[in-house]
Every structure is written in C-alpha cells, then in structure tokens.
PDB file of N, CA and C in Angstrom:
ATOM      1  N   UNK A   1      98.884 103.268 113.635  1.00  0.00           N
ATOM      2  CA  UNK A   1      97.391 103.311 113.686  1.00  0.00           C
ATOM      3  C   UNK A   1      96.941 102.086 113.065  1.00  0.00           C
ATOM      4  N   UNK A   2      96.224 101.334 113.756  1.00  0.00           N
ATOM      5  CA  UNK A   2      95.657 100.094 113.366  1.00  0.00           C
ATOM      6  C   UNK A   2      94.242 100.147 113.108  1.00  0.00           C
ATOM      7  N   UNK A   3      93.726 100.065 111.874  1.00  0.00           N
ATOM      8  CA  UNK A   3      92.354 100.229 111.529  1.00  0.00           C
ATOM      9  C   UNK A   3      91.916  99.129 111.378  1.00  0.00           C
ATOM     10  N   UNK A   4      92.124  97.661 111.845  1.00  0.00           N
ATOM     11  CA  UNK A   4      91.647  96.491 111.654  1.00  0.00           C
ATOM     12  C   UNK A   4      90.557  96.328 112.656  1.00  0.00           C
ATOM     13  N   UNK A   5      89.507  95.947 112.263  1.00  0.00           N
ATOM     14  CA  UNK A   5      88.360  95.593 113.275  1.00  0.00           C
ATOM     15  C   UNK A   5      88.315  94.052 113.502  1.00  0.00           C
ATOM     16  N   UNK A   6      88.206  93.471 114.662  1.00  0.00           N
ATOM     17  CA  UNK A   6      87.863  92.236 115.161  1.00  0.00           C
ATOM     18  C   UNK A   6      86.350  91.778 115.048  1.00  0.00           C
ATOM     19  N   UNK A   7      85.993  90.835 114.155  1.00  0.00           N
ATOM     20  CA  UNK A   7      84.437  90.437 114.339  1.00  0.00           C
ATOM     21  C   UNK A   7      84.204  89.672 115.767  1.00  0.00           C
ATOM     22  N   UNK A   8      82.931  89.251 115.837  1.00  0.00           N
ATOM     23  CA  UNK A   8      82.892  88.595 116.995  1.00  0.00           C
ATOM     24  C   UNK A   8      83.255  87.338 117.096  1.00  0.00           C
ATOM     25  N   UNK A   9      83.345  86.387 116.115  1.00  0.00           N
ATOM     26  CA  UNK A   9      83.902  85.278 115.800  1.00  0.00           C
ATOM     27  C   UNK A   9      85.502  85.313 115.694  1.00  0.00           C
ATOM     28  N   UNK A  10      85.991  86.235 116.135  1.00  0.00           N
ATOM     29  CA  UNK A  10      87.653  86.504 116.164  1.00  0.00           C
ATOM     30  C   UNK A  10      88.407  86.913 114.931  1.00  0.00           C
ATOM     31  N   UNK A  11      87.589  86.613 113.547  1.00  0.00           N
ATOM     32  CA  UNK A  11      88.489  87.257 112.397  1.00  0.00           C
ATOM     33  C   UNK A  11      88.661  88.391 111.912  1.00  0.00           C
ATOM     34  N   UNK A  12      89.828  89.033 111.634  1.00  0.00           N
ATOM     35  CA  UNK A  12      89.938  90.490 111.743  1.00  0.00           C
ATOM     36  C   UNK A  12      89.173  90.975 110.133  1.00  0.00           C
ATOM     37  N   UNK A  13      88.971  92.098 110.221  1.00  0.00           N
ATOM     38  CA  UNK A  13      88.625  92.532 108.935  1.00  0.00           C
ATOM     39  C   UNK A  13      89.599  93.572 108.654  1.00  0.00           C
ATOM     40  N   UNK A  14      89.956  93.148 107.202  1.00  0.00           N
ATOM     41  CA  UNK A  14      90.878  94.138 106.602  1.00  0.00           C
ATOM     42  C   UNK A  14      90.934  95.626 106.697  1.00  0.00           C
ATOM     43  N   UNK A  15      91.524  96.715 107.107  1.00  0.00           N
ATOM     44  CA  UNK A  15      91.280  97.970 107.174  1.00  0.00           C
ATOM     45  C   UNK A  15      91.091  98.760 105.703  1.00  0.00           C
ATOM     46  N   UNK A  16      91.062 100.049 105.749  1.00  0.00           N
ATOM     47  CA  UNK A  16      91.122 100.724 104.388  1.00  0.00           C
ATOM     48  C   UNK A  16      92.444 100.482 103.530  1.00  0.00           C
ATOM     49  N   UNK A  17      93.412 100.713 104.252  1.00  0.00           N
ATOM     50  CA  UNK A  17      94.549 100.705 103.392  1.00  0.00           C
ATOM     51  C   UNK A  17      95.527  99.538 103.901  1.00  0.00           C
ATOM     52  N   UNK A  18      95.079  98.425 104.116  1.00  0.00           N
ATOM     53  CA  UNK A  18      95.707  97.351 104.714  1.00  0.00           C
ATOM     54  C   UNK A  18      96.038  96.183 103.464  1.00  0.00           C
ATOM     55  N   UNK A  19      97.171  95.895 103.252  1.00  0.00           N
ATOM     56  CA  UNK A  19      97.552  95.333 102.025  1.00  0.00           C
ATOM     57  C   UNK A  19      98.528  94.154 102.711  1.00  0.00           C
ATOM     58  N   UNK A  20      98.580  92.895 101.692  1.00  0.00           N
ATOM     59  CA  UNK A  20      99.480  91.747 101.567  1.00  0.00           C
ATOM     60  C   UNK A  20     101.002  92.465 101.595  1.00  0.00           C
ATOM     61  N   UNK A  21     101.901  92.357 102.359  1.00  0.00           N
ATOM     62  CA  UNK A  21     103.294  92.784 102.386  1.00  0.00           C
ATOM     63  C   UNK A  21     103.851  92.293 101.081  1.00  0.00           C
ATOM     64  N   UNK A  22     103.824  90.813 100.830  1.00  0.00           N
ATOM     65  CA  UNK A  22     104.560  90.540 100.063  1.00  0.00           C
ATOM     66  C   UNK A  22     103.891  90.702  98.593  1.00  0.00           C
ATOM     67  N   UNK A  23     102.769  90.684  98.606  1.00  0.00           N
ATOM     68  CA  UNK A  23     102.108  91.189  97.113  1.00  0.00           C
ATOM     69  C   UNK A  23     102.343  92.667  96.869  1.00  0.00           C
ATOM     70  N   UNK A  24     102.469  93.510  97.627  1.00  0.00           N
ATOM     71  CA  UNK A  24     102.683  94.717  97.674  1.00  0.00           C
ATOM     72  C   UNK A  24     104.126  95.165  97.281  1.00  0.00           C
ATOM     73  N   UNK A  25     105.313  94.354  97.906  1.00  0.00           N
ATOM     74  CA  UNK A  25     106.597  94.298  97.483  1.00  0.00           C
ATOM     75  C   UNK A  25     106.919  93.926  96.092  1.00  0.00           C
ATOM     76  N   UNK A  26     106.032  92.959  95.666  1.00  0.00           N
ATOM     77  CA  UNK A  26     106.563  92.523  94.310  1.00  0.00           C
ATOM     78  C   UNK A  26     105.798  93.259  93.375  1.00  0.00           C
ATOM     79  N   UNK A  27     104.477  94.160  93.643  1.00  0.00           N
ATOM     80  CA  UNK A  27     104.063  94.975  92.548  1.00  0.00           C
ATOM     81  C   UNK A  27     105.094  95.912  92.579  1.00  0.00           C
ATOM     82  N   UNK A  28     105.313  96.748  93.595  1.00  0.00           N
ATOM     83  CA  UNK A  28     106.238  97.602  93.882  1.00  0.00           C
ATOM     84  C   UNK A  28     107.627  97.350  93.252  1.00  0.00           C
ATOM     85  N   UNK A  29     108.191  96.792  92.883  1.00  0.00           N
ATOM     86  CA  UNK A  29     109.484  96.224  92.415  1.00  0.00           C
ATOM     87  C   UNK A  29     109.231  95.801  91.119  1.00  0.00           C
ATOM     88  N   UNK A  30     108.272  95.561  90.648  1.00  0.00           N
ATOM     89  CA  UNK A  30     108.338  94.829  89.111  1.00  0.00           C
ATOM     90  C   UNK A  30     107.261  95.814  88.200  1.00  0.00           C
ATOM     91  N   UNK A  31     106.369  96.443  88.988  1.00  0.00           N
ATOM     92  CA  UNK A  31     105.569  97.309  88.205  1.00  0.00           C
ATOM     93  C   UNK A  31     105.447  98.589  88.953  1.00  0.00           C
ATOM     94  N   UNK A  32     106.435  99.097  89.757  1.00  0.00           N
ATOM     95  CA  UNK A  32     105.973 100.391  90.484  1.00  0.00           C
ATOM     96  C   UNK A  32     106.123 101.427  89.518  1.00  0.00           C
ATOM     97  N   UNK A  33     106.955 101.292  88.413  1.00  0.00           N
ATOM     98  CA  UNK A  33     106.925 102.515  87.513  1.00  0.00           C
ATOM     99  C   UNK A  33     105.951 103.044  87.010  1.00  0.00           C
ATOM    100  N   UNK A  34     104.636 102.048  86.956  1.00  0.00           N
ATOM    101  CA  UNK A  34     103.595 102.360  86.370  1.00  0.00           C
ATOM    102  C   UNK A  34     102.440 102.768  87.312  1.00  0.00           C
ATOM    103  N   UNK A  35     102.709 102.523  88.577  1.00  0.00           N
ATOM    104  CA  UNK A  35     101.857 102.810  89.862  1.00  0.00           C
ATOM    105  C   UNK A  35     101.005 101.920  90.307  1.00  0.00           C
ATOM    106  N   UNK A  36     101.305 100.426  89.918  1.00  0.00           N
ATOM    107  CA  UNK A  36     100.253  99.455  89.889  1.00  0.00           C
ATOM    108  C   UNK A  36     100.167  99.282  91.551  1.00  0.00           C
ATOM    109  N   UNK A  37     101.471  99.396  92.229  1.00  0.00           N
ATOM    110  CA  UNK A  37     101.299  99.053  93.814  1.00  0.00           C
ATOM    111  C   UNK A  37     100.561 100.111  94.516  1.00  0.00           C
ATOM    112  N   UNK A  38     100.205 101.185  94.040  1.00  0.00           N
ATOM    113  CA  UNK A  38      99.402 102.447  94.341  1.00  0.00           C
ATOM    114  C   UNK A  38      98.032 101.873  94.261  1.00  0.00           C
ATOM    115  N   UNK A  39      97.560 101.576  93.043  1.00  0.00           N
ATOM    116  CA  UNK A  39      96.225 100.938  92.865  1.00  0.00           C
ATOM    117  C   UNK A  39      95.918  99.720  93.789  1.00  0.00           C
ATOM    118  N   UNK A  40      96.886  99.169  93.793  1.00  0.00           N
ATOM    119  CA  UNK A  40      96.589  97.921  94.912  1.00  0.00           C
ATOM    120  C   UNK A  40      96.301  98.050  96.397  1.00  0.00           C
ATOM    121  N   UNK A  41      97.009  99.133  96.689  1.00  0.00           N
ATOM    122  CA  UNK A  41      97.024  99.855  98.281  1.00  0.00           C
ATOM    123  C   UNK A  41      95.724 100.853  98.387  1.00  0.00           C
ATOM    124  N   UNK A  42      94.812 100.874  97.294  1.00  0.00           N
ATOM    125  CA  UNK A  42      93.527 101.532  97.319  1.00  0.00           C
ATOM    126  C   UNK A  42      93.743 102.714  97.242  1.00  0.00           C
ATOM    127  N   UNK A  43      94.902 103.404  96.750  1.00  0.00           N
ATOM    128  CA  UNK A  43      95.218 104.906  96.384  1.00  0.00           C
ATOM    129  C   UNK A  43      95.450 105.356  94.880  1.00  0.00           C
ATOM    130  N   UNK A  44      94.120 105.589  94.349  1.00  0.00           N
ATOM    131  CA  UNK A  44      94.036 105.506  92.901  1.00  0.00           C
ATOM    132  C   UNK A  44      94.645 106.845  92.329  1.00  0.00           C
ATOM    133  N   UNK A  45      94.587 107.827  93.212  1.00  0.00           N
ATOM    134  CA  UNK A  45      95.007 109.455  92.525  1.00  0.00           C
ATOM    135  C   UNK A  45      96.578 108.956  92.557  1.00  0.00           C
ATOM    136  N   UNK A  46      97.072 108.512  93.395  1.00  0.00           N
ATOM    137  CA  UNK A  46      98.921 108.347  93.404  1.00  0.00           C
ATOM    138  C   UNK A  46      99.163 107.320  92.298  1.00  0.00           C
ATOM    139  N   UNK A  47      98.199 106.413  91.895  1.00  0.00           N
ATOM    140  CA  UNK A  47      98.334 105.384  91.071  1.00  0.00           C
ATOM    141  C   UNK A  47      98.288 106.085  89.321  1.00  0.00           C
ATOM    142  N   UNK A  48      97.314 107.149  89.350  1.00  0.00           N
ATOM    143  CA  UNK A  48      97.101 107.888  88.162  1.00  0.00           C
ATOM    144  C   UNK A  48      98.406 108.945  87.848  1.00  0.00           C
ATOM    145  N   UNK A  49      98.795 109.392  88.943  1.00  0.00           N
ATOM    146  CA  UNK A  49      99.719 110.220  88.862  1.00  0.00           C
ATOM    147  C   UNK A  49     100.927 109.582  88.545  1.00  0.00           C
ATOM    148  N   UNK A  50     101.262 108.453  88.902  1.00  0.00           N
ATOM    149  CA  UNK A  50     102.392 107.387  88.282  1.00  0.00           C
ATOM    150  C   UNK A  50     102.246 107.306  87.104  1.00  0.00           C
ATOM    151  N   UNK A  51     100.991 106.765  86.524  1.00  0.00           N
ATOM    152  CA  UNK A  51     100.576 106.265  85.030  1.00  0.00           C
ATOM    153  C   UNK A  51     101.046 107.406  84.117  1.00  0.00           C
ATOM    154  N   UNK A  52     100.412 108.695  84.802  1.00  0.00           N
ATOM    155  CA  UNK A  52     100.543 110.157  83.668  1.00  0.00           C
ATOM    156  C   UNK A  52     102.261 110.387  83.885  1.00  0.00           C
ATOM    157  N   UNK A  53     103.007 110.052  84.711  1.00  0.00           N
ATOM    158  CA  UNK A  53     104.061 110.390  84.489  1.00  0.00           C
ATOM    159  C   UNK A  53     105.222 109.352  84.480  1.00  0.00           C
ATOM    160  N   UNK A  54     105.052 108.193  84.021  1.00  0.00           N
ATOM    161  CA  UNK A  54     105.566 107.040  83.944  1.00  0.00           C
ATOM    162  C   UNK A  54     106.978 107.236  82.800  1.00  0.00           C
ATOM    163  N   UNK A  55     106.839 108.257  82.317  1.00  0.00           N
ATOM    164  CA  UNK A  55     107.973 108.544  81.095  1.00  0.00           C
ATOM    165  C   UNK A  55     108.972 109.250  81.610  1.00  0.00           C
ATOM    166  N   UNK A  56     108.677 109.858  82.548  1.00  0.00           N
ATOM    167  CA  UNK A  56     109.861 110.713  83.553  1.00  0.00           C
ATOM    168  C   UNK A  56     110.932 109.702  84.353  1.00  0.00           C
ATOM    169  N   UNK A  57     110.531 108.448  84.605  1.00  0.00           N
ATOM    170  CA  UNK A  57     111.302 107.571  85.779  1.00  0.00           C
ATOM    171  C   UNK A  57     110.807 108.261  87.439  1.00  0.00           C
ATOM    172  N   UNK A  58     110.180 109.357  87.170  1.00  0.00           N
ATOM    173  CA  UNK A  58     109.895 109.654  88.832  1.00  0.00           C
ATOM    174  C   UNK A  58     109.244 108.751  89.516  1.00  0.00           C
ATOM    175  N   UNK A  59     108.255 108.034  88.926  1.00  0.00           N
ATOM    176  CA  UNK A  59     107.299 106.951  89.630  1.00  0.00           C
ATOM    177  C   UNK A  59     108.159 105.777  89.865  1.00  0.00           C
ATOM    178  N   UNK A  60     109.363 105.415  88.941  1.00  0.00           N
ATOM    179  CA  UNK A  60     110.138 104.338  89.326  1.00  0.00           C
ATOM    180  C   UNK A  60     110.936 104.403  90.698  1.00  0.00           C
ATOM    181  N   UNK A  61     111.444 105.791  90.922  1.00  0.00           N
ATOM    182  CA  UNK A  61     112.229 106.165  92.130  1.00  0.00           C
ATOM    183  C   UNK A  61     111.195 105.997  93.494  1.00  0.00           C
ATOM    184  N   UNK A  62     110.065 106.779  92.825  1.00  0.00           N
ATOM    185  CA  UNK A  62     108.991 106.793  94.093  1.00  0.00           C
ATOM    186  C   UNK A  62     108.683 105.249  94.372  1.00  0.00           C
ATOM    187  N   UNK A  63     108.659 104.227  93.494  1.00  0.00           N
ATOM    188  CA  UNK A  63     108.300 102.823  93.988  1.00  0.00           C
ATOM    189  C   UNK A  63     109.374 102.410  94.533  1.00  0.00           C
ATOM    190  N   UNK A  64     110.416 102.598  94.211  1.00  0.00           N
ATOM    191  CA  UNK A  64     111.534 102.125  95.024  1.00  0.00           C
ATOM    192  C   UNK A  64     111.803 102.719  96.320  1.00  0.00           C
ATOM    193  N   UNK A  65     111.582 103.820  96.724  1.00  0.00           N
ATOM    194  CA  UNK A  65     111.385 104.393  98.018  1.00  0.00           C
ATOM    195  C   UNK A  65     110.407 103.732  98.674  1.00  0.00           C
ATOM    196  N   UNK A  66     109.163 103.439  98.009  1.00  0.00           N
ATOM    197  CA  UNK A  66     108.230 102.675  98.483  1.00  0.00           C
ATOM    198  C   UNK A  66     108.329 101.089  98.984  1.00  0.00           C
ATOM    199  N   UNK A  67     108.974 100.645  98.229  1.00  0.00           N
ATOM    200  CA  UNK A  67     109.590  99.259  98.242  1.00  0.00           C
ATOM    201  C   UNK A  67     110.454  99.091  99.485  1.00  0.00           C
ATOM    202  N   UNK A  68     111.343 100.152  99.528  1.00  0.00           N
ATOM    203  CA  UNK A  68     112.084  99.808 100.888  1.00  0.00           C
ATOM    204  C   UNK A  68     111.515 100.112 102.207  1.00  0.00           C
ATOM    205  N   UNK A  69     110.541 101.173 102.036  1.00  0.00           N
ATOM    206  CA  UNK A  69     109.697 101.259 103.426  1.00  0.00           C
ATOM    207  C   UNK A  69     108.924 100.252 103.679  1.00  0.00           C
ATOM    208  N   UNK A  70     108.444  99.557 102.600  1.00  0.00           N
ATOM    209  CA  UNK A  70     107.589  98.489 102.880  1.00  0.00           C
ATOM    210  C   UNK A  70     108.257  96.955 103.282  1.00  0.00           C
ATOM    211  N   UNK A  71     109.451  97.002 102.734  1.00  0.00           N
ATOM    212  CA  UNK A  71     110.382  95.962 103.037  1.00  0.00           C
ATOM    213  C   UNK A  71     110.658  95.868 104.546  1.00  0.00           C
ATOM    214  N   UNK A  72     110.926  97.121 105.062  1.00  0.00           N
ATOM    215  CA  UNK A  72     111.396  97.364 106.652  1.00  0.00           C
ATOM    216  C   UNK A  72     110.331  97.553 107.425  1.00  0.00           C
ATOM    217  N   UNK A  73     109.035  97.603 107.033  1.00  0.00           N
ATOM    218  CA  UNK A  73     107.645  97.737 107.809  1.00  0.00           C
ATOM    219  C   UNK A  73     107.466  96.307 108.317  1.00  0.00           C
ATOM    220  N   UNK A  74     107.093  96.224 109.606  1.00  0.00           N
ATOM    221  CA  UNK A  74     106.982  94.922 110.384  1.00  0.00           C
ATOM    222  C   UNK A  74     105.251  94.662 110.110  1.00  0.00           C
ATOM    223  N   UNK A  75     105.019  93.526 109.459  1.00  0.00           N
ATOM    224  CA  UNK A  75     103.801  93.026 109.148  1.00  0.00           C
ATOM    225  C   UNK A  75     103.012  92.280 110.576  1.00  0.00           C
ATOM    226  N   UNK A  76     101.773  92.432 110.408  1.00  0.00           N
ATOM    227  CA  UNK A  76     100.984  91.739 111.535  1.00  0.00           C
ATOM    228  C   UNK A  76     100.856  90.361 111.425  1.00  0.00           C
ATOM    229  N   UNK A  77     100.144  89.588 111.936  1.00  0.00           N
ATOM    230  CA  UNK A  77     100.181  88.307 112.158  1.00  0.00           C
ATOM    231  C   UNK A  77      99.449  87.320 110.957  1.00  0.00           C
ATOM    232  N   UNK A  78      98.782  88.427 109.983  1.00  0.00           N
ATOM    233  CA  UNK A  78      98.502  87.945 108.799  1.00  0.00           C
ATOM    234  C   UNK A  78      99.170  88.026 107.808  1.00  0.00           C
ATOM    235  N   UNK A  79     100.221  88.816 107.817  1.00  0.00           N
ATOM    236  CA  UNK A  79     101.252  89.352 106.535  1.00  0.00           C
ATOM    237  C   UNK A  79     101.010  90.354 106.173  1.00  0.00           C
ATOM    238  N   UNK A  80     100.040  91.223 106.616  1.00  0.00           N
ATOM    239  CA  UNK A  80      99.551  92.641 106.192  1.00  0.00           C
ATOM    240  C   UNK A  80     100.387  93.762 106.668  1.00  0.00           C
ATOM    241  N   UNK A  81     100.357  94.764 106.067  1.00  0.00           N
ATOM    242  CA  UNK A  81     100.805  96.038 106.250  1.00  0.00           C
ATOM    243  C   UNK A  81      99.911  96.999 106.011  1.00  0.00           C
ATOM    244  N   UNK A  82     100.234  98.299 106.763  1.00  0.00           N
ATOM    245  CA  UNK A  82      99.513  99.438 106.248  1.00  0.00           C
ATOM    246  C   UNK A  82     100.210 100.282 105.229  1.00  0.00           C
ATOM    247  N   UNK A  83      99.842 100.318 104.007  1.00  0.00           N
ATOM    248  CA  UNK A  83     100.641 100.977 102.888  1.00  0.00           C
ATOM    249  C   UNK A  83      99.652 102.609 102.390  1.00  0.00           C
TER     250      UNK A  83
END
C-alpha cells in the first residue's frame, strides 16, 4: 500500500509512515534497544514500550527483526520505505 501523494508540480509528499531506509536501518541497528527507530517511524506507542522494557533485551531482539525486515524491503525512488 503506497500512501504517497503526488503534488501538481510532480514532487511526492511523504506518507504517514514513510521513512528514509538508511536512517531507519542505522537507528534500528545502533539504538533499536531503546526504540528510537520506532519514534523515527512515527510510532510513539511502540517506542515507549521499547523504552519501558529496554532492560529486558526484548526491544533489542525486536529491533534486530525490524532491521532485517527493513533491510530486505525495497525502497522507492527517493530511498524511502514504509515502516
């Protein structure tokens, strides 16, 4: 499902959960245990859950799974993915 909208001049408007793939991958890999990549993807509830449970290493596993999924998700022409 693509939520991007094209303006009259041809420039795309980023949809509600479209993020830059490279930035998302870096955040998920290095700061994923704290849920920073979820905040970047505009999913604050998931980010708060990661922050609350960061001491259990469950968010770290969750972020590694998110990293692998995002790694193999094809990006659009601007390098964005839906996260």
